[in-house]
């Protein structure tokens, strides 16, 4: 299992046109192909550079890695602060939104999923 944690990402909420600031952790279980670690951050950055919602961003990263690498499994977790929650409306500055998307072994095997979640938290 390969995990890169705490990749800083900055995006814009497609609903309110204000920043989403967060961190992404990406894990995959190689099959035959591997990817340079910096490429995981580049893929996260590539998808975050467009107007987004966090759920779609998390899913797009996971699906792209799955299509490129054809690994045994892919897992992506994103934690972010949405300026639409901080600056507008309810104005809750401490709120954090967490999304995840898992494919392959991470979705099918609870032990694999738990190992990723534990390592991504530490």
PDB file of N, CA and C in Angstrom:
ATOM      1  N   UNK A   1       0.848  -1.176   0.000  1.00  0.00           N
ATOM      2  CA  UNK A   1       0.000   0.000   0.000  1.00  0.00           C
ATOM      3  C   UNK A   1       0.895   1.240   0.000  1.00  0.00           C
ATOM      4  N   UNK A   2       0.594   2.169  -0.880  1.00  0.00           N
ATOM      5  CA  UNK A   2       1.320   3.433  -0.979  1.00  0.00           C
ATOM      6  C   UNK A   2       0.351   4.538  -0.554  1.00  0.00           C
ATOM      7  N   UNK A   3       0.796   5.380   0.375  1.00  0.00           N
ATOM      8  CA  UNK A   3      -0.060   6.478   0.848  1.00  0.00           C
ATOM      9  C   UNK A   3       0.738   7.768   0.844  1.00  0.00           C
ATOM     10  N   UNK A   4       0.156   8.817   0.275  1.00  0.00           N
ATOM     11  CA  UNK A   4       0.697  10.171   0.399  1.00  0.00           C
ATOM     12  C   UNK A   4      -0.359  10.968   1.139  1.00  0.00           C
ATOM     13  N   UNK A   5       0.025  11.510   2.302  1.00  0.00           N
ATOM     14  CA  UNK A   5      -0.922  12.199   3.172  1.00  0.00           C
ATOM     15  C   UNK A   5      -0.743  13.715   3.114  1.00  0.00           C
ATOM     16  N   UNK A   6      -1.806  14.384   3.485  1.00  0.00           N
ATOM     17  CA  UNK A   6      -1.786  15.834   3.721  1.00  0.00           C
ATOM     18  C   UNK A   6      -1.298  16.650   2.526  1.00  0.00           C
ATOM     19  N   UNK A   7      -1.804  16.331   1.354  1.00  0.00           N
ATOM     20  CA  UNK A   7      -1.501  17.119   0.156  1.00  0.00           C
ATOM     21  C   UNK A   7      -2.371  18.370   0.211  1.00  0.00           C
ATOM     22  N   UNK A   8      -1.754  19.537   0.266  1.00  0.00           N
ATOM     23  CA  UNK A   8      -2.520  20.788   0.307  1.00  0.00           C
ATOM     24  C   UNK A   8      -3.219  21.009  -1.023  1.00  0.00           C
ATOM     25  N   UNK A   9      -4.504  21.345  -0.959  1.00  0.00           N
ATOM     26  CA  UNK A   9      -5.257  21.672  -2.171  1.00  0.00           C
ATOM     27  C   UNK A   9      -6.081  22.932  -1.931  1.00  0.00           C
ATOM     28  N   UNK A  10      -6.256  23.674  -2.997  1.00  0.00           N
ATOM     29  CA  UNK A  10      -7.040  24.901  -2.985  1.00  0.00           C
ATOM     30  C   UNK A  10      -7.946  24.854  -4.201  1.00  0.00           C
ATOM     31  N   UNK A  11      -9.221  25.077  -3.988  1.00  0.00           N
ATOM     32  CA  UNK A  11     -10.161  25.055  -5.090  1.00  0.00           C
ATOM     33  C   UNK A  11     -11.169  26.180  -4.884  1.00  0.00           C
ATOM     34  N   UNK A  12     -12.107  26.289  -5.814  1.00  0.00           N
ATOM     35  CA  UNK A  12     -13.193  27.262  -5.693  1.00  0.00           C
ATOM     36  C   UNK A  12     -14.521  26.527  -5.722  1.00  0.00           C
ATOM     37  N   UNK A  13     -15.378  26.845  -4.774  1.00  0.00           N
ATOM     38  CA  UNK A  13     -16.715  26.278  -4.715  1.00  0.00           C
ATOM     39  C   UNK A  13     -17.494  26.720  -5.950  1.00  0.00           C
ATOM     40  N   UNK A  14     -18.017  25.756  -6.673  1.00  0.00           N
ATOM     41  CA  UNK A  14     -18.733  26.108  -7.895  1.00  0.00           C
ATOM     42  C   UNK A  14     -20.074  26.779  -7.619  1.00  0.00           C
ATOM     43  N   UNK A  15     -20.582  26.657  -6.396  1.00  0.00           N
ATOM     44  CA  UNK A  15     -21.860  27.292  -6.057  1.00  0.00           C
ATOM     45  C   UNK A  15     -21.703  28.753  -5.652  1.00  0.00           C
ATOM     46  N   UNK A  16     -20.623  29.060  -4.917  1.00  0.00           N
ATOM     47  CA  UNK A  16     -20.479  30.393  -4.333  1.00  0.00           C
ATOM     48  C   UNK A  16     -19.253  31.161  -4.814  1.00  0.00           C
ATOM     49  N   UNK A  17     -18.387  30.486  -5.593  1.00  0.00           N
ATOM     50  CA  UNK A  17     -17.167  31.115  -6.122  1.00  0.00           C
ATOM     51  C   UNK A  17     -16.256  31.640  -5.007  1.00  0.00           C
ATOM     52  N   UNK A  18     -16.161  30.916  -3.917  1.00  0.00           N
ATOM     53  CA  UNK A  18     -15.247  31.249  -2.823  1.00  0.00           C
ATOM     54  C   UNK A  18     -14.348  30.037  -2.572  1.00  0.00           C
ATOM     55  N   UNK A  19     -13.201  30.246  -1.911  1.00  0.00           N
ATOM     56  CA  UNK A  19     -12.214  29.164  -1.765  1.00  0.00           C
ATOM     57  C   UNK A  19     -12.672  27.975  -0.916  1.00  0.00           C
ATOM     58  N   UNK A  20     -12.142  26.828  -1.305  1.00  0.00           N
ATOM     59  CA  UNK A  20     -12.165  25.601  -0.514  1.00  0.00           C
ATOM     60  C   UNK A  20     -10.692  25.303  -0.249  1.00  0.00           C
ATOM     61  N   UNK A  21     -10.336  25.192   1.027  1.00  0.00           N
ATOM     62  CA  UNK A  21      -8.935  24.976   1.401  1.00  0.00           C
ATOM     63  C   UNK A  21      -8.862  23.676   2.193  1.00  0.00           C
ATOM     64  N   UNK A  22      -8.036  22.735   1.719  1.00  0.00           N
ATOM     65  CA  UNK A  22      -8.016  21.460   2.409  1.00  0.00           C
ATOM     66  C   UNK A  22      -6.768  20.643   2.188  1.00  0.00           C
ATOM     67  N   UNK A  23      -6.864  19.408   2.665  1.00  0.00           N
ATOM     68  CA  UNK A  23      -5.788  18.437   2.539  1.00  0.00           C
ATOM     69  C   UNK A  23      -6.386  17.125   2.035  1.00  0.00           C
ATOM     70  N   UNK A  24      -5.629  16.476   1.174  1.00  0.00           N
ATOM     71  CA  UNK A  24      -6.059  15.202   0.603  1.00  0.00           C
ATOM     72  C   UNK A  24      -5.015  14.139   0.945  1.00  0.00           C
ATOM     73  N   UNK A  25      -5.507  12.957   1.293  1.00  0.00           N
ATOM     74  CA  UNK A  25      -4.650  11.788   1.452  1.00  0.00           C
ATOM     75  C   UNK A  25      -5.067  10.773   0.401  1.00  0.00           C
ATOM     76  N   UNK A  26      -4.071  10.244  -0.309  1.00  0.00           N
ATOM     77  CA  UNK A  26      -4.317   9.306  -1.395  1.00  0.00           C
ATOM     78  C   UNK A  26      -3.557   8.019  -1.113  1.00  0.00           C
ATOM     79  N   UNK A  27      -4.243   6.906  -1.277  1.00  0.00           N
ATOM     80  CA  UNK A  27      -3.584   5.611  -1.133  1.00  0.00           C
ATOM     81  C   UNK A  27      -3.953   4.705  -2.294  1.00  0.00           C
ATOM     82  N   UNK A  28      -3.023   3.837  -2.665  1.00  0.00           N
ATOM     83  CA  UNK A  28      -3.340   2.817  -3.661  1.00  0.00           C
ATOM     84  C   UNK A  28      -2.498   1.583  -3.407  1.00  0.00           C
ATOM     85  N   UNK A  29      -3.009   0.467  -3.870  1.00  0.00           N
ATOM     86  CA  UNK A  29      -2.283  -0.799  -3.780  1.00  0.00           C
ATOM     87  C   UNK A  29      -1.847  -1.149  -5.198  1.00  0.00           C
ATOM     88  N   UNK A  30      -0.542  -1.049  -5.478  1.00  0.00           N
ATOM     89  CA  UNK A  30      -0.062  -1.284  -6.845  1.00  0.00           C
ATOM     90  C   UNK A  30      -0.399  -2.686  -7.342  1.00  0.00           C
ATOM     91  N   UNK A  31      -0.626  -2.763  -8.617  1.00  0.00           N
ATOM     92  CA  UNK A  31      -0.802  -4.038  -9.287  1.00  0.00           C
ATOM     93  C   UNK A  31       0.484  -4.301 -10.063  1.00  0.00           C
ATOM     94  N   UNK A  32       0.611  -3.686 -11.220  1.00  0.00           N
ATOM     95  CA  UNK A  32       1.856  -3.776 -11.985  1.00  0.00           C
ATOM     96  C   UNK A  32       2.494  -2.400 -12.137  1.00  0.00           C
ATOM     97  N   UNK A  33       1.663  -1.396 -12.213  1.00  0.00           N
ATOM     98  CA  UNK A  33       2.151  -0.041 -12.461  1.00  0.00           C
ATOM     99  C   UNK A  33       2.284   0.729 -11.141  1.00  0.00           C
ATOM    100  N   UNK A  34       3.308   1.568 -11.095  1.00  0.00           N
ATOM    101  CA  UNK A  34       3.463   2.487  -9.968  1.00  0.00           C
ATOM    102  C   UNK A  34       3.604   3.898 -10.529  1.00  0.00           C
ATOM    103  N   UNK A  35       3.409   4.850  -9.650  1.00  0.00           N
ATOM    104  CA  UNK A  35       3.445   6.251 -10.064  1.00  0.00           C
ATOM    105  C   UNK A  35       4.388   6.990  -9.133  1.00  0.00           C
ATOM    106  N   UNK A  36       5.154   7.937  -9.659  1.00  0.00           N
ATOM    107  CA  UNK A  36       6.001   8.758  -8.802  1.00  0.00           C
ATOM    108  C   UNK A  36       5.147   9.480  -7.771  1.00  0.00           C
ATOM    109  N   UNK A  37       5.639   9.589  -6.566  1.00  0.00           N
ATOM    110  CA  UNK A  37       4.843  10.167  -5.475  1.00  0.00           C
ATOM    111  C   UNK A  37       4.374  11.581  -5.788  1.00  0.00           C
ATOM    112  N   UNK A  38       5.211  12.368  -6.433  1.00  0.00           N
ATOM    113  CA  UNK A  38       4.818  13.741  -6.746  1.00  0.00           C
ATOM    114  C   UNK A  38       3.649  13.784  -7.734  1.00  0.00           C
ATOM    115  N   UNK A  39       3.495  12.714  -8.522  1.00  0.00           N
ATOM    116  CA  UNK A  39       2.387  12.685  -9.488  1.00  0.00           C
ATOM    117  C   UNK A  39       1.042  12.595  -8.787  1.00  0.00           C
ATOM    118  N   UNK A  40       1.002  11.968  -7.608  1.00  0.00           N
ATOM    119  CA  UNK A  40      -0.246  11.917  -6.857  1.00  0.00           C
ATOM    120  C   UNK A  40      -0.680  13.333  -6.472  1.00  0.00           C
ATOM    121  N   UNK A  41       0.284  14.132  -6.024  1.00  0.00           N
ATOM    122  CA  UNK A  41      -0.021  15.527  -5.685  1.00  0.00           C
ATOM    123  C   UNK A  41      -0.415  16.314  -6.929  1.00  0.00           C
ATOM    124  N   UNK A  42       0.227  16.050  -8.039  1.00  0.00           N
ATOM    125  CA  UNK A  42      -0.110  16.756  -9.291  1.00  0.00           C
ATOM    126  C   UNK A  42      -1.529  16.438  -9.757  1.00  0.00           C
ATOM    127  N   UNK A  43      -1.926  15.186  -9.620  1.00  0.00           N
ATOM    128  CA  UNK A  43      -3.288  14.817 -10.009  1.00  0.00           C
ATOM    129  C   UNK A  43      -4.299  15.526  -9.114  1.00  0.00           C
ATOM    130  N   UNK A  44      -4.028  15.562  -7.815  1.00  0.00           N
ATOM    131  CA  UNK A  44      -4.919  16.276  -6.896  1.00  0.00           C
ATOM    132  C   UNK A  44      -4.995  17.753  -7.269  1.00  0.00           C
ATOM    133  N   UNK A  45      -3.859  18.334  -7.570  1.00  0.00           N
ATOM    134  CA  UNK A  45      -3.816  19.751  -7.954  1.00  0.00           C
ATOM    135  C   UNK A  45      -4.555  19.991  -9.265  1.00  0.00           C
ATOM    136  N   UNK A  46      -4.385  19.105 -10.222  1.00  0.00           N
ATOM    137  CA  UNK A  46      -5.029  19.271 -11.524  1.00  0.00           C
ATOM    138  C   UNK A  46      -6.549  19.342 -11.390  1.00  0.00           C
ATOM    139  N   UNK A  47      -7.127  18.441 -10.614  1.00  0.00           N
ATOM    140  CA  UNK A  47      -8.580  18.441 -10.460  1.00  0.00           C
ATOM    141  C   UNK A  47      -9.072  19.572  -9.560  1.00  0.00           C
ATOM    142  N   UNK A  48      -8.239  20.017  -8.638  1.00  0.00           N
ATOM    143  CA  UNK A  48      -8.679  21.083  -7.727  1.00  0.00           C
ATOM    144  C   UNK A  48      -8.622  22.462  -8.362  1.00  0.00           C
ATOM    145  N   UNK A  49      -7.950  22.597  -9.498  1.00  0.00           N
ATOM    146  CA  UNK A  49      -7.793  23.903 -10.150  1.00  0.00           C
ATOM    147  C   UNK A  49      -9.045  24.389 -10.873  1.00  0.00           C
ATOM    148  N   UNK A  50     -10.063  23.577 -10.913  1.00  0.00           N
ATOM    149  CA  UNK A  50     -11.303  23.999 -11.581  1.00  0.00           C
ATOM    150  C   UNK A  50     -12.394  24.234 -10.541  1.00  0.00           C
ATOM    151  N   UNK A  51     -13.465  24.869 -10.946  1.00  0.00           N
ATOM    152  CA  UNK A  51     -14.608  25.029 -10.042  1.00  0.00           C
ATOM    153  C   UNK A  51     -15.062  23.637  -9.622  1.00  0.00           C
ATOM    154  N   UNK A  52     -15.295  23.458  -8.318  1.00  0.00           N
ATOM    155  CA  UNK A  52     -15.549  22.117  -7.812  1.00  0.00           C
ATOM    156  C   UNK A  52     -16.553  22.104  -6.679  1.00  0.00           C
ATOM    157  N   UNK A  53     -17.047  20.914  -6.411  1.00  0.00           N
ATOM    158  CA  UNK A  53     -17.640  20.568  -5.130  1.00  0.00           C
ATOM    159  C   UNK A  53     -16.744  19.469  -4.579  1.00  0.00           C
ATOM    160  N   UNK A  54     -16.610  19.414  -3.282  1.00  0.00           N
ATOM    161  CA  UNK A  54     -15.638  18.513  -2.658  1.00  0.00           C
ATOM    162  C   UNK A  54     -15.921  17.044  -2.985  1.00  0.00           C
ATOM    163  N   UNK A  55     -17.180  16.662  -3.010  1.00  0.00           N
ATOM    164  CA  UNK A  55     -17.516  15.261  -3.276  1.00  0.00           C
ATOM    165  C   UNK A  55     -17.023  14.831  -4.655  1.00  0.00           C
ATOM    166  N   UNK A  56     -17.216  15.673  -5.640  1.00  0.00           N
ATOM    167  CA  UNK A  56     -16.792  15.342  -6.995  1.00  0.00           C
ATOM    168  C   UNK A  56     -15.272  15.327  -7.098  1.00  0.00           C
ATOM    169  N   UNK A  57     -14.610  16.275  -6.455  1.00  0.00           N
ATOM    170  CA  UNK A  57     -13.148  16.335  -6.481  1.00  0.00           C
ATOM    171  C   UNK A  57     -12.555  15.039  -5.941  1.00  0.00           C
ATOM    172  N   UNK A  58     -13.054  14.571  -4.809  1.00  0.00           N
ATOM    173  CA  UNK A  58     -12.570  13.333  -4.200  1.00  0.00           C
ATOM    174  C   UNK A  58     -12.762  12.152  -5.154  1.00  0.00           C
ATOM    175  N   UNK A  59     -13.936  12.080  -5.757  1.00  0.00           N
ATOM    176  CA  UNK A  59     -14.257  10.982  -6.682  1.00  0.00           C
ATOM    177  C   UNK A  59     -13.408  11.049  -7.946  1.00  0.00           C
ATOM    178  N   UNK A  60     -13.216  12.232  -8.519  1.00  0.00           N
ATOM    179  CA  UNK A  60     -12.443  12.371  -9.752  1.00  0.00           C
ATOM    180  C   UNK A  60     -11.009  11.913  -9.574  1.00  0.00           C
ATOM    181  N   UNK A  61     -10.406  12.254  -8.445  1.00  0.00           N
ATOM    182  CA  UNK A  61      -9.024  11.841  -8.177  1.00  0.00           C
ATOM    183  C   UNK A  61      -8.938  10.318  -8.108  1.00  0.00           C
ATOM    184  N   UNK A  62      -9.856   9.699  -7.371  1.00  0.00           N
ATOM    185  CA  UNK A  62      -9.842   8.242  -7.214  1.00  0.00           C
ATOM    186  C   UNK A  62     -10.041   7.537  -8.560  1.00  0.00           C
ATOM    187  N   UNK A  63     -11.003   7.997  -9.327  1.00  0.00           N
ATOM    188  CA  UNK A  63     -11.292   7.352 -10.617  1.00  0.00           C
ATOM    189  C   UNK A  63     -10.127   7.526 -11.589  1.00  0.00           C
ATOM    190  N   UNK A  64      -9.522   8.712 -11.614  1.00  0.00           N
ATOM    191  CA  UNK A  64      -8.380   8.940 -12.504  1.00  0.00           C
ATOM    192  C   UNK A  64      -7.233   7.990 -12.174  1.00  0.00           C
ATOM    193  N   UNK A  65      -6.921   7.852 -10.893  1.00  0.00           N
ATOM    194  CA  UNK A  65      -5.839   6.937 -10.501  1.00  0.00           C
ATOM    195  C   UNK A  65      -6.185   5.496 -10.846  1.00  0.00           C
ATOM    196  N   UNK A  66      -7.436   5.138 -10.644  1.00  0.00           N
ATOM    197  CA  UNK A  66      -7.867   3.779 -10.952  1.00  0.00           C
ATOM    198  C   UNK A  66      -7.730   3.492 -12.446  1.00  0.00           C
ATOM    199  N   UNK A  67      -8.097   4.446 -13.284  1.00  0.00           N
ATOM    200  CA  UNK A  67      -7.994   4.262 -14.732  1.00  0.00           C
ATOM    201  C   UNK A  67      -6.540   4.244 -15.216  1.00  0.00           C
ATOM    202  N   UNK A  68      -5.700   5.097 -14.630  1.00  0.00           N
ATOM    203  CA  UNK A  68      -4.303   5.197 -15.054  1.00  0.00           C
ATOM    204  C   UNK A  68      -3.490   3.973 -14.617  1.00  0.00           C
ATOM    205  N   UNK A  69      -3.620   3.606 -13.336  1.00  0.00           N
ATOM    206  CA  UNK A  69      -2.756   2.570 -12.760  1.00  0.00           C
ATOM    207  C   UNK A  69      -3.343   1.168 -12.785  1.00  0.00           C
ATOM    208  N   UNK A  70      -4.655   1.061 -12.851  1.00  0.00           N
ATOM    209  CA  UNK A  70      -5.337  -0.227 -12.726  1.00  0.00           C
ATOM    210  C   UNK A  70      -4.809  -1.003 -11.514  1.00  0.00           C
ATOM    211  N   UNK A  71      -4.839  -0.353 -10.334  1.00  0.00           N
ATOM    212  CA  UNK A  71      -4.305  -0.984  -9.131  1.00  0.00           C
ATOM    213  C   UNK A  71      -5.313  -1.952  -8.516  1.00  0.00           C
ATOM    214  N   UNK A  72      -4.893  -2.598  -7.444  1.00  0.00           N
ATOM    215  CA  UNK A  72      -5.809  -3.456  -6.694  1.00  0.00           C
ATOM    216  C   UNK A  72      -6.863  -2.622  -5.970  1.00  0.00           C
ATOM    217  N   UNK A  73      -6.519  -1.388  -5.645  1.00  0.00           N
ATOM    218  CA  UNK A  73      -7.473  -0.503  -4.989  1.00  0.00           C
ATOM    219  C   UNK A  73      -6.953   0.913  -4.889  1.00  0.00           C
ATOM    220  N   UNK A  74      -7.888   1.866  -4.758  1.00  0.00           N
ATOM    221  CA  UNK A  74      -7.564   3.285  -4.593  1.00  0.00           C
ATOM    222  C   UNK A  74      -8.443   3.843  -3.484  1.00  0.00           C
ATOM    223  N   UNK A  75      -7.861   4.709  -2.657  1.00  0.00           N
ATOM    224  CA  UNK A  75      -8.626   5.390  -1.613  1.00  0.00           C
ATOM    225  C   UNK A  75      -8.201   6.859  -1.573  1.00  0.00           C
ATOM    226  N   UNK A  76      -9.182   7.742  -1.453  1.00  0.00           N
ATOM    227  CA  UNK A  76      -8.918   9.178  -1.359  1.00  0.00           C
ATOM    228  C   UNK A  76      -9.777   9.746  -0.239  1.00  0.00           C
ATOM    229  N   UNK A  77      -9.157  10.511   0.639  1.00  0.00           N
ATOM    230  CA  UNK A  77      -9.870  11.218   1.702  1.00  0.00           C
ATOM    231  C   UNK A  77      -9.512  12.694   1.592  1.00  0.00           C
ATOM    232  N   UNK A  78     -10.527  13.541   1.714  1.00  0.00           N
ATOM    233  CA  UNK A  78     -10.290  14.981   1.692  1.00  0.00           C
ATOM    234  C   UNK A  78     -10.970  15.614   2.893  1.00  0.00           C
ATOM    235  N   UNK A  79     -10.229  16.491   3.575  1.00  0.00           N
ATOM    236  CA  UNK A  79     -10.768  17.306   4.661  1.00  0.00           C
ATOM    237  C   UNK A  79     -10.544  18.753   4.279  1.00  0.00           C
ATOM    238  N   UNK A  80     -11.619  19.557   4.318  1.00  0.00           N
ATOM    239  CA  UNK A  80     -11.490  20.932   3.846  1.00  0.00           C
ATOM    240  C   UNK A  80     -12.390  21.885   4.607  1.00  0.00           C
ATOM    241  N   UNK A  81     -11.947  23.126   4.599  1.00  0.00           N
ATOM    242  CA  UNK A  81     -12.740  24.232   5.121  1.00  0.00           C
ATOM    243  C   UNK A  81     -13.297  24.987   3.920  1.00  0.00           C
ATOM    244  N   UNK A  82     -14.584  25.224   3.950  1.00  0.00           N
ATOM    245  CA  UNK A  82     -15.266  25.900   2.855  1.00  0.00           C
ATOM    246  C   UNK A  82     -15.553  27.343   3.265  1.00  0.00           C
ATOM    247  N   UNK A  83     -15.002  28.267   2.505  1.00  0.00           N
ATOM    248  CA  UNK A  83     -15.204  29.675   2.838  1.00  0.00           C
ATOM    249  C   UNK A  83     -16.673  30.091   2.720  1.00  0.00           C
ATOM    250  N   UNK A  84     -17.477  29.327   1.973  1.00  0.00           N
ATOM    251  CA  UNK A  84     -18.905  29.636   1.927  1.00  0.00           C
ATOM    252  C   UNK A  84     -19.547  29.380   3.291  1.00  0.00           C
ATOM    253  N   UNK A  85     -18.974  28.481   4.088  1.00  0.00           N
ATOM    254  CA  UNK A  85     -19.466  28.233   5.446  1.00  0.00           C
ATOM    255  C   UNK A  85     -18.870  29.237   6.439  1.00  0.00           C
ATOM    256  N   UNK A  86     -17.681  29.735   6.139  1.00  0.00           N
ATOM    257  CA  UNK A  86     -16.979  30.636   7.054  1.00  0.00           C
ATOM    258  C   UNK A  86     -17.400  32.084   6.839  1.00  0.00           C
ATOM    259  N   UNK A  87     -17.476  32.513   5.583  1.00  0.00           N
ATOM    260  CA  UNK A  87     -17.715  33.919   5.270  1.00  0.00           C
ATOM    261  C   UNK A  87     -19.189  34.263   5.107  1.00  0.00           C
ATOM    262  N   UNK A  88     -19.970  33.324   4.646  1.00  0.00           N
ATOM    263  CA  UNK A  88     -21.365  33.585   4.317  1.00  0.00           C
ATOM    264  C   UNK A  88     -22.279  32.845   5.286  1.00  0.00           C
ATOM    265  N   UNK A  89     -23.530  33.097   5.215  1.00  0.00           N
ATOM    266  CA  UNK A  89     -24.539  32.300   5.911  1.00  0.00           C
ATOM    267  C   UNK A  89     -24.248  32.038   7.376  1.00  0.00           C
ATOM    268  N   UNK A  90     -23.984  30.793   7.727  1.00  0.00           N
ATOM    269  CA  UNK A  90     -23.862  30.387   9.130  1.00  0.00           C
ATOM    270  C   UNK A  90     -22.579  30.858   9.802  1.00  0.00           C
ATOM    271  N   UNK A  91     -21.564  31.203   9.050  1.00  0.00           N
ATOM    272  CA  UNK A  91     -20.288  31.723   9.553  1.00  0.00           C
ATOM    273  C   UNK A  91     -19.689  30.852  10.662  1.00  0.00           C
ATOM    274  N   UNK A  92     -19.433  29.615  10.333  1.00  0.00           N
ATOM    275  CA  UNK A  92     -18.838  28.650  11.268  1.00  0.00           C
ATOM    276  C   UNK A  92     -17.393  28.398  10.880  1.00  0.00           C
ATOM    277  N   UNK A  93     -16.483  29.133  11.498  1.00  0.00           N
ATOM    278  CA  UNK A  93     -15.077  29.106  11.089  1.00  0.00           C
ATOM    279  C   UNK A  93     -14.355  27.805  11.407  1.00  0.00           C
ATOM    280  N   UNK A  94     -14.802  27.040  12.362  1.00  0.00           N
ATOM    281  CA  UNK A  94     -14.098  25.812  12.727  1.00  0.00           C
ATOM    282  C   UNK A  94     -14.595  24.573  12.008  1.00  0.00           C
ATOM    283  N   UNK A  95     -15.553  24.719  11.119  1.00  0.00           N
ATOM    284  CA  UNK A  95     -16.137  23.530  10.492  1.00  0.00           C
ATOM    285  C   UNK A  95     -15.200  22.937   9.443  1.00  0.00           C
ATOM    286  N   UNK A  96     -15.177  21.622   9.394  1.00  0.00           N
ATOM    287  CA  UNK A  96     -14.368  20.886   8.424  1.00  0.00           C
ATOM    288  C   UNK A  96     -15.273  19.838   7.782  1.00  0.00           C
ATOM    289  N   UNK A  97     -15.211  19.741   6.474  1.00  0.00           N
ATOM    290  CA  UNK A  97     -15.988  18.747   5.733  1.00  0.00           C
ATOM    291  C   UNK A  97     -15.043  17.635   5.293  1.00  0.00           C
ATOM    292  N   UNK A  98     -15.446  16.393   5.516  1.00  0.00           N
ATOM    293  CA  UNK A  98     -14.639  15.236   5.148  1.00  0.00           C
ATOM    294  C   UNK A  98     -15.392  14.406   4.116  1.00  0.00           C
ATOM    295  N   UNK A  99     -14.698  14.055   3.038  1.00  0.00           N
ATOM    296  CA  UNK A  99     -15.264  13.162   2.026  1.00  0.00           C
ATOM    297  C   UNK A  99     -14.259  12.057   1.738  1.00  0.00           C
ATOM    298  N   UNK A 100     -14.776  10.922   1.290  1.00  0.00           N
ATOM    299  CA  UNK A 100     -13.886   9.819   0.914  1.00  0.00           C
ATOM    300  C   UNK A 100     -14.480   9.095  -0.284  1.00  0.00           C
ATOM    301  N   UNK A 101     -13.587   8.455  -1.035  1.00  0.00           N
ATOM    302  CA  UNK A 101     -14.021   7.629  -2.156  1.00  0.00           C
ATOM    303  C   UNK A 101     -13.048   6.465  -2.240  1.00  0.00           C
ATOM    304  N   UNK A 102     -13.595   5.258  -2.275  1.00  0.00           N
ATOM    305  CA  UNK A 102     -12.755   4.063  -2.276  1.00  0.00           C
ATOM    306  C   UNK A 102     -13.182   3.108  -3.377  1.00  0.00           C
ATOM    307  N   UNK A 103     -12.191   2.491  -3.992  1.00  0.00           N
ATOM    308  CA  UNK A 103     -12.417   1.540  -5.066  1.00  0.00           C
ATOM    309  C   UNK A 103     -11.603   0.273  -4.815  1.00  0.00           C
ATOM    310  N   UNK A 104     -12.037  -0.827  -5.404  1.00  0.00           N
ATOM    311  CA  UNK A 104     -11.283  -2.076  -5.335  1.00  0.00           C
ATOM    312  C   UNK A 104     -11.163  -2.613  -3.928  1.00  0.00           C
ATOM    313  N   UNK A 105      -9.943  -2.996  -3.560  1.00  0.00           N
ATOM    314  CA  UNK A 105      -9.696  -3.623  -2.261  1.00  0.00           C
ATOM    315  C   UNK A 105     -10.093  -2.728  -1.089  1.00  0.00           C
ATOM    316  N   UNK A 106      -9.984  -1.425  -1.256  1.00  0.00           N
ATOM    317  CA  UNK A 106     -10.350  -0.521  -0.168  1.00  0.00           C
ATOM    318  C   UNK A 106     -11.856  -0.535   0.088  1.00  0.00           C
ATOM    319  N   UNK A 107     -12.631  -0.783  -0.940  1.00  0.00           N
ATOM    320  CA  UNK A 107     -14.088  -0.856  -0.792  1.00  0.00           C
ATOM    321  C   UNK A 107     -14.522  -2.254  -0.350  1.00  0.00           C
ATOM    322  N   UNK A 108     -13.850  -3.278  -0.873  1.00  0.00           N
ATOM    323  CA  UNK A 108     -14.296  -4.657  -0.652  1.00  0.00           C
ATOM    324  C   UNK A 108     -13.789  -5.279   0.633  1.00  0.00           C
ATOM    325  N   UNK A 109     -12.599  -4.896   1.079  1.00  0.00           N
ATOM    326  CA  UNK A 109     -11.978  -5.547   2.242  1.00  0.00           C
ATOM    327  C   UNK A 109     -11.942  -4.581   3.428  1.00  0.00           C
ATOM    328  N   UNK A 110     -12.731  -4.837   4.457  1.00  0.00           N
ATOM    329  CA  UNK A 110     -12.770  -3.937   5.612  1.00  0.00           C
ATOM    330  C   UNK A 110     -11.407  -3.763   6.300  1.00  0.00           C
ATOM    331  N   UNK A 111     -10.590  -4.809   6.291  1.00  0.00           N
ATOM    332  CA  UNK A 111      -9.268  -4.707   6.927  1.00  0.00           C
ATOM    333  C   UNK A 111      -8.357  -3.760   6.163  1.00  0.00           C
ATOM    334  N   UNK A 112      -8.404  -3.830   4.838  1.00  0.00           N
ATOM    335  CA  UNK A 112      -7.597  -2.931   4.000  1.00  0.00           C
ATOM    336  C   UNK A 112      -8.058  -1.496   4.185  1.00  0.00           C
ATOM    337  N   UNK A 113      -9.369  -1.296   4.174  1.00  0.00           N
ATOM    338  CA  UNK A 113      -9.931   0.042   4.374  1.00  0.00           C
ATOM    339  C   UNK A 113      -9.522   0.600   5.738  1.00  0.00           C
ATOM    340  N   UNK A 114      -9.630  -0.221   6.774  1.00  0.00           N
ATOM    341  CA  UNK A 114      -9.281   0.236   8.130  1.00  0.00           C
ATOM    342  C   UNK A 114      -7.796   0.566   8.235  1.00  0.00           C
ATOM    343  N   UNK A 115      -6.941  -0.230   7.598  1.00  0.00           N
ATOM    344  CA  UNK A 115      -5.506   0.060   7.614  1.00  0.00           C
ATOM    345  C   UNK A 115      -5.233   1.417   6.971  1.00  0.00           C
ATOM    346  N   UNK A 116      -5.856   1.683   5.824  1.00  0.00           N
ATOM    347  CA  UNK A 116      -5.679   2.983   5.168  1.00  0.00           C
ATOM    348  C   UNK A 116      -6.170   4.119   6.060  1.00  0.00           C
ATOM    349  N   UNK A 117      -7.364   3.971   6.613  1.00  0.00           N
ATOM    350  CA  UNK A 117      -7.921   5.042   7.440  1.00  0.00           C
ATOM    351  C   UNK A 117      -7.041   5.315   8.662  1.00  0.00           C
ATOM    352  N   UNK A 118      -6.522   4.245   9.258  1.00  0.00           N
ATOM    353  CA  UNK A 118      -5.643   4.417  10.419  1.00  0.00           C
ATOM    354  C   UNK A 118      -4.339   5.110  10.036  1.00  0.00           C
ATOM    355  N   UNK A 119      -3.717   4.675   8.940  1.00  0.00           N
ATOM    356  CA  UNK A 119      -2.456   5.289   8.515  1.00  0.00           C
ATOM    357  C   UNK A 119      -2.665   6.730   8.030  1.00  0.00           C
ATOM    358  N   UNK A 120      -3.775   7.005   7.391  1.00  0.00           N
ATOM    359  CA  UNK A 120      -4.048   8.362   6.905  1.00  0.00           C
ATOM    360  C   UNK A 120      -4.282   9.331   8.075  1.00  0.00           C
ATOM    361  N   UNK A 121      -4.793   8.810   9.185  1.00  0.00           N
ATOM    362  CA  UNK A 121      -5.043   9.657  10.378  1.00  0.00           C
ATOM    363  C   UNK A 121      -3.774   9.956  11.161  1.00  0.00           C
ATOM    364  N   UNK A 122      -2.877   8.965  11.236  1.00  0.00           N
ATOM    365  CA  UNK A 122      -1.657   9.107  12.070  1.00  0.00           C
ATOM    366  C   UNK A 122      -0.721  10.161  11.535  1.00  0.00           C
TER     367      UNK A 122
END
